[in-house]
Amino acid sequence: MIIRRDAIEPFDFHGLTIRDYTAGLETASSFGVMTVPPSASHSEAWSRRSDKTYYVLAGSIEFTLDGTHMVLYEGDLCIVARGKHFSYRNPGPNAARLCIVHVPSFDLDAEVFVD
């Protein structure tokens, strides 16, 4: 299966621009690419269902994982195990781009937003 970037319509999720390459497909995992503009953030959340893997394609992102703060740069990877609390934000002047993989695939109903 080949999925072309131009075939994916990006959508806004609380200020983040996401291209969900596997939306609507019956796959064991899901894959997306997101742009995190300067000052944008993802509030604290955790998943009842999926492990999440974030890979930084460009820029940097400030991540909090179970209370531990870290900055991720281009080429860095962060794995968020199911049930672990996380949040992130882009405090920098440039947009950051990240790949995100959910295993099993993403299900919004299984996501818990703390705020």
N, C-alpha and C. Protein backbone atom coordinates (compact mmCIF):
# COMPACT_ATOMS: atom_id res chain seq x y z
N MET A 1 0.85 -1.17 0.00
CA MET A 1 0.00 0.00 0.00
C MET A 1 0.90 1.23 0.00
N ILE A 2 0.61 2.16 -0.85
CA ILE A 2 1.32 3.44 -0.94
C ILE A 2 0.31 4.54 -0.61
N ILE A 3 0.71 5.44 0.26
CA ILE A 3 -0.14 6.58 0.60
C ILE A 3 0.66 7.84 0.30
N ARG A 4 0.20 8.63 -0.62
CA ARG A 4 0.90 9.84 -1.03
C ARG A 4 0.52 11.01 -0.12
N ARG A 5 1.51 11.83 0.20
CA ARG A 5 1.31 12.98 1.07
C ARG A 5 0.18 13.87 0.55
N ASP A 6 0.15 14.11 -0.74
CA ASP A 6 -0.87 15.00 -1.32
C ASP A 6 -2.28 14.43 -1.23
N ALA A 7 -2.40 13.13 -0.94
CA ALA A 7 -3.72 12.52 -0.80
C ALA A 7 -4.28 12.70 0.61
N ILE A 8 -3.46 13.19 1.52
CA ILE A 8 -3.87 13.33 2.93
C ILE A 8 -4.23 14.79 3.20
N GLU A 9 -5.43 15.02 3.62
CA GLU A 9 -5.88 16.36 3.97
C GLU A 9 -5.48 16.67 5.42
N PRO A 10 -4.67 17.69 5.64
CA PRO A 10 -4.29 18.01 7.02
C PRO A 10 -5.49 18.56 7.78
N PHE A 11 -5.47 18.39 9.10
CA PHE A 11 -6.53 18.96 9.93
C PHE A 11 -5.91 19.59 11.16
N ASP A 12 -6.65 20.49 11.77
CA ASP A 12 -6.19 21.20 12.97
C ASP A 12 -6.69 20.46 14.21
N PHE A 13 -5.78 20.23 15.14
CA PHE A 13 -6.15 19.64 16.43
C PHE A 13 -5.58 20.53 17.52
N HIS A 14 -6.39 21.46 18.01
CA HIS A 14 -5.99 22.39 19.07
C HIS A 14 -4.70 23.13 18.72
N GLY A 15 -4.59 23.62 17.49
CA GLY A 15 -3.43 24.39 17.07
C GLY A 15 -2.32 23.59 16.43
N LEU A 16 -2.42 22.26 16.46
CA LEU A 16 -1.43 21.41 15.80
C LEU A 16 -1.99 21.03 14.43
N THR A 17 -1.15 21.01 13.42
CA THR A 17 -1.58 20.57 12.09
C THR A 17 -1.14 19.13 11.90
N ILE A 18 -2.11 18.24 11.66
CA ILE A 18 -1.82 16.81 11.60
C ILE A 18 -2.24 16.23 10.25
N ARG A 19 -1.37 15.40 9.71
CA ARG A 19 -1.71 14.56 8.55
C ARG A 19 -1.74 13.12 9.05
N ASP A 20 -2.92 12.55 9.11
CA ASP A 20 -3.10 11.17 9.58
C ASP A 20 -3.11 10.25 8.37
N TYR A 21 -1.98 9.60 8.13
CA TYR A 21 -1.82 8.78 6.92
C TYR A 21 -2.64 7.50 6.95
N THR A 22 -3.06 7.06 8.11
CA THR A 22 -3.76 5.78 8.21
C THR A 22 -5.21 5.91 8.65
N ALA A 23 -5.73 7.14 8.69
CA ALA A 23 -7.12 7.35 9.10
C ALA A 23 -8.06 6.53 8.23
N GLY A 24 -8.97 5.84 8.87
CA GLY A 24 -9.97 5.06 8.15
C GLY A 24 -9.50 3.70 7.67
N LEU A 25 -8.22 3.40 7.85
CA LEU A 25 -7.70 2.10 7.44
C LEU A 25 -7.70 1.14 8.62
N GLU A 26 -7.92 -0.11 8.37
CA GLU A 26 -7.89 -1.11 9.43
C GLU A 26 -6.46 -1.63 9.54
N THR A 27 -5.65 -0.91 10.31
CA THR A 27 -4.25 -1.26 10.49
C THR A 27 -3.97 -1.49 11.96
N ALA A 28 -2.91 -2.23 12.24
CA ALA A 28 -2.54 -2.52 13.62
C ALA A 28 -1.90 -1.32 14.31
N SER A 29 -1.39 -0.39 13.52
CA SER A 29 -0.79 0.83 14.07
C SER A 29 -1.27 2.01 13.24
N SER A 30 -1.03 3.20 13.74
CA SER A 30 -1.37 4.39 12.96
C SER A 30 -0.15 5.28 12.86
N PHE A 31 -0.11 6.08 11.80
CA PHE A 31 1.04 6.93 11.52
C PHE A 31 0.57 8.30 11.10
N GLY A 32 1.19 9.32 11.67
CA GLY A 32 0.87 10.68 11.30
C GLY A 32 2.10 11.56 11.34
N VAL A 33 1.98 12.71 10.71
CA VAL A 33 3.02 13.74 10.77
C VAL A 33 2.33 15.01 11.23
N MET A 34 2.93 15.68 12.21
CA MET A 34 2.31 16.89 12.71
C MET A 34 3.29 18.04 12.75
N THR A 35 2.73 19.22 12.59
CA THR A 35 3.48 20.45 12.71
C THR A 35 3.01 21.12 14.00
N VAL A 36 3.99 21.51 14.83
CA VAL A 36 3.70 22.19 16.09
C VAL A 36 4.25 23.61 15.95
N PRO A 37 3.38 24.59 15.70
CA PRO A 37 3.84 25.96 15.53
C PRO A 37 4.43 26.53 16.82
N PRO A 38 5.19 27.62 16.71
CA PRO A 38 5.69 28.27 17.92
C PRO A 38 4.53 28.60 18.86
N SER A 39 4.74 28.38 20.14
CA SER A 39 3.76 28.63 21.22
C SER A 39 2.63 27.62 21.28
N ALA A 40 2.54 26.68 20.35
CA ALA A 40 1.48 25.66 20.40
C ALA A 40 1.86 24.58 21.40
N SER A 41 0.84 23.91 21.92
CA SER A 41 1.10 22.86 22.91
C SER A 41 0.02 21.79 22.86
N HIS A 42 0.36 20.65 23.45
CA HIS A 42 -0.58 19.54 23.65
C HIS A 42 -0.71 19.41 25.16
N SER A 43 -1.92 19.58 25.67
CA SER A 43 -2.12 19.54 27.12
C SER A 43 -1.85 18.13 27.66
N GLU A 44 -1.72 18.05 28.96
CA GLU A 44 -1.43 16.77 29.60
C GLU A 44 -2.51 15.75 29.24
N ALA A 45 -2.05 14.56 28.88
CA ALA A 45 -2.97 13.48 28.47
C ALA A 45 -2.30 12.14 28.72
N TRP A 46 -3.08 11.09 28.53
CA TRP A 46 -2.57 9.72 28.55
C TRP A 46 -3.53 8.85 27.76
N SER A 47 -3.06 7.70 27.35
CA SER A 47 -3.87 6.82 26.51
C SER A 47 -4.22 5.54 27.26
N ARG A 48 -5.47 5.14 27.16
CA ARG A 48 -5.91 3.85 27.72
C ARG A 48 -5.53 2.70 26.78
N ARG A 49 -5.19 3.03 25.52
CA ARG A 49 -5.07 2.01 24.48
C ARG A 49 -3.67 1.87 23.89
N SER A 50 -3.03 2.96 23.56
CA SER A 50 -1.85 2.91 22.69
C SER A 50 -0.55 3.35 23.34
N ASP A 51 0.53 2.71 22.91
CA ASP A 51 1.87 3.26 23.10
C ASP A 51 2.05 4.26 21.97
N LYS A 52 2.76 5.36 22.25
CA LYS A 52 2.98 6.40 21.24
C LYS A 52 4.47 6.58 21.06
N THR A 53 4.89 6.73 19.82
CA THR A 53 6.28 7.02 19.52
C THR A 53 6.34 8.32 18.74
N TYR A 54 7.09 9.28 19.27
CA TYR A 54 7.28 10.57 18.62
C TYR A 54 8.72 10.66 18.11
N TYR A 55 8.89 11.05 16.85
CA TYR A 55 10.20 11.24 16.25
C TYR A 55 10.26 12.66 15.70
N VAL A 56 11.28 13.42 16.12
CA VAL A 56 11.39 14.81 15.70
C VAL A 56 12.06 14.89 14.33
N LEU A 57 11.31 15.36 13.34
CA LEU A 57 11.82 15.53 11.98
C LEU A 57 12.56 16.86 11.82
N ALA A 58 12.05 17.91 12.47
CA ALA A 58 12.64 19.24 12.33
C ALA A 58 12.30 20.06 13.57
N GLY A 59 13.20 20.95 13.94
CA GLY A 59 12.97 21.84 15.07
C GLY A 59 13.23 21.15 16.39
N SER A 60 12.63 21.69 17.42
CA SER A 60 12.76 21.11 18.76
C SER A 60 11.42 21.25 19.47
N ILE A 61 11.24 20.41 20.48
CA ILE A 61 9.98 20.36 21.21
C ILE A 61 10.28 20.08 22.67
N GLU A 62 9.58 20.75 23.56
CA GLU A 62 9.75 20.53 25.00
C GLU A 62 8.71 19.52 25.44
N PHE A 63 9.16 18.37 25.93
CA PHE A 63 8.29 17.26 26.30
C PHE A 63 8.28 17.09 27.81
N THR A 64 7.15 16.73 28.35
CA THR A 64 7.06 16.31 29.75
C THR A 64 6.47 14.91 29.75
N LEU A 65 7.19 13.99 30.33
CA LEU A 65 6.78 12.59 30.37
C LEU A 65 6.80 12.12 31.81
N ASP A 66 5.61 11.86 32.37
CA ASP A 66 5.46 11.47 33.77
C ASP A 66 6.24 12.38 34.71
N GLY A 67 6.12 13.69 34.47
CA GLY A 67 6.73 14.68 35.35
C GLY A 67 8.17 15.04 35.03
N THR A 68 8.80 14.34 34.11
CA THR A 68 10.18 14.64 33.73
C THR A 68 10.18 15.50 32.48
N HIS A 69 10.85 16.65 32.56
CA HIS A 69 10.92 17.59 31.44
C HIS A 69 12.19 17.34 30.64
N MET A 70 12.07 17.43 29.31
CA MET A 70 13.23 17.27 28.44
C MET A 70 12.97 18.03 27.15
N VAL A 71 14.04 18.38 26.46
CA VAL A 71 13.92 19.00 25.15
C VAL A 71 14.37 17.98 24.12
N LEU A 72 13.55 17.77 23.10
CA LEU A 72 13.88 16.86 22.01
C LEU A 72 14.26 17.69 20.79
N TYR A 73 15.30 17.25 20.10
CA TYR A 73 15.79 17.93 18.91
C TYR A 73 15.65 17.01 17.70
N GLU A 74 15.86 17.58 16.52
CA GLU A 74 15.79 16.82 15.28
C GLU A 74 16.57 15.51 15.41
N GLY A 75 15.90 14.40 15.08
CA GLY A 75 16.52 13.07 15.17
C GLY A 75 16.28 12.36 16.49
N ASP A 76 15.70 13.05 17.49
CA ASP A 76 15.41 12.42 18.78
C ASP A 76 14.07 11.68 18.73
N LEU A 77 13.94 10.68 19.59
CA LEU A 77 12.76 9.82 19.66
C LEU A 77 12.27 9.78 21.10
N CYS A 78 10.96 9.82 21.29
CA CYS A 78 10.36 9.69 22.61
C CYS A 78 9.27 8.63 22.53
N ILE A 79 9.33 7.66 23.42
CA ILE A 79 8.31 6.61 23.48
C ILE A 79 7.48 6.85 24.73
N VAL A 80 6.17 6.97 24.54
CA VAL A 80 5.23 7.18 25.64
C VAL A 80 4.41 5.91 25.79
N ALA A 81 4.68 5.16 26.83
CA ALA A 81 3.96 3.91 27.05
C ALA A 81 2.51 4.19 27.44
N ARG A 82 1.65 3.28 27.05
CA ARG A 82 0.23 3.38 27.41
C ARG A 82 0.11 3.65 28.90
N GLY A 83 -0.73 4.59 29.27
CA GLY A 83 -0.96 4.92 30.67
C GLY A 83 -0.04 5.99 31.23
N LYS A 84 1.03 6.33 30.52
CA LYS A 84 1.96 7.35 31.00
C LYS A 84 1.44 8.74 30.62
N HIS A 85 1.54 9.67 31.55
CA HIS A 85 1.11 11.04 31.30
C HIS A 85 2.18 11.77 30.51
N PHE A 86 1.74 12.59 29.56
CA PHE A 86 2.68 13.36 28.74
C PHE A 86 2.03 14.68 28.33
N SER A 87 2.87 15.61 27.96
CA SER A 87 2.44 16.85 27.32
C SER A 87 3.65 17.37 26.56
N TYR A 88 3.42 18.30 25.66
CA TYR A 88 4.54 18.92 24.97
C TYR A 88 4.15 20.31 24.49
N ARG A 89 5.18 21.10 24.21
CA ARG A 89 4.96 22.45 23.71
C ARG A 89 6.16 22.88 22.90
N ASN A 90 5.93 23.86 22.06
CA ASN A 90 7.00 24.42 21.25
C ASN A 90 7.27 25.84 21.74
N PRO A 91 8.28 26.01 22.59
CA PRO A 91 8.59 27.35 23.09
C PRO A 91 9.48 28.15 22.13
N GLY A 92 9.95 27.51 21.06
CA GLY A 92 10.90 28.15 20.15
C GLY A 92 10.25 29.07 19.13
N PRO A 93 11.09 29.71 18.33
CA PRO A 93 10.59 30.66 17.32
C PRO A 93 10.18 30.00 16.00
N ASN A 94 10.51 28.71 15.82
CA ASN A 94 10.21 28.02 14.56
C ASN A 94 9.30 26.82 14.80
N ALA A 95 8.55 26.47 13.77
CA ALA A 95 7.67 25.29 13.87
C ALA A 95 8.52 24.03 14.01
N ALA A 96 7.99 23.06 14.73
CA ALA A 96 8.61 21.73 14.85
C ALA A 96 7.75 20.76 14.06
N ARG A 97 8.38 19.73 13.48
CA ARG A 97 7.64 18.67 12.77
C ARG A 97 7.98 17.35 13.41
N LEU A 98 6.94 16.56 13.69
CA LEU A 98 7.12 15.27 14.35
C LEU A 98 6.34 14.19 13.61
N CYS A 99 6.89 12.99 13.60
CA CYS A 99 6.14 11.79 13.21
C CYS A 99 5.58 11.21 14.50
N ILE A 100 4.39 10.66 14.41
CA ILE A 100 3.82 9.97 15.56
C ILE A 100 3.24 8.63 15.11
N VAL A 101 3.57 7.60 15.89
CA VAL A 101 3.06 6.25 15.62
C VAL A 101 2.32 5.79 16.87
N HIS A 102 1.12 5.26 16.70
CA HIS A 102 0.34 4.67 17.79
C HIS A 102 0.26 3.16 17.57
N VAL A 103 0.52 2.40 18.63
CA VAL A 103 0.37 0.93 18.56
C VAL A 103 -0.38 0.49 19.80
N PRO A 104 -1.57 -0.12 19.66
CA PRO A 104 -2.36 -0.25 18.43
C PRO A 104 -2.81 1.12 17.93
N SER A 105 -3.51 1.11 16.83
CA SER A 105 -3.86 2.34 16.12
C SER A 105 -4.63 3.33 17.01
N PHE A 106 -4.55 4.59 16.62
CA PHE A 106 -5.16 5.70 17.36
C PHE A 106 -6.66 5.55 17.45
N ASP A 107 -7.18 5.86 18.65
CA ASP A 107 -8.62 5.89 18.89
C ASP A 107 -8.87 7.04 19.85
N LEU A 108 -9.47 8.13 19.36
CA LEU A 108 -9.67 9.32 20.18
C LEU A 108 -10.43 9.01 21.45
N ASP A 109 -11.36 8.06 21.42
CA ASP A 109 -12.14 7.72 22.61
C ASP A 109 -11.29 7.09 23.71
N ALA A 110 -10.10 6.59 23.38
CA ALA A 110 -9.21 5.98 24.36
C ALA A 110 -8.21 6.97 24.95
N GLU A 111 -8.26 8.22 24.47
CA GLU A 111 -7.34 9.26 24.96
C GLU A 111 -8.00 10.01 26.12
N VAL A 112 -7.23 10.25 27.16
CA VAL A 112 -7.72 10.96 28.35
C VAL A 112 -6.95 12.26 28.46
N PHE A 113 -7.68 13.38 28.40
CA PHE A 113 -7.07 14.71 28.53
C PHE A 113 -7.29 15.19 29.96
N VAL A 114 -6.20 15.51 30.65
CA VAL A 114 -6.25 15.85 32.06
C VAL A 114 -6.85 17.24 32.27
N ASP A 115 -6.49 18.19 31.43
CA ASP A 115 -6.98 19.57 31.59
C ASP A 115 -8.36 19.74 31.03
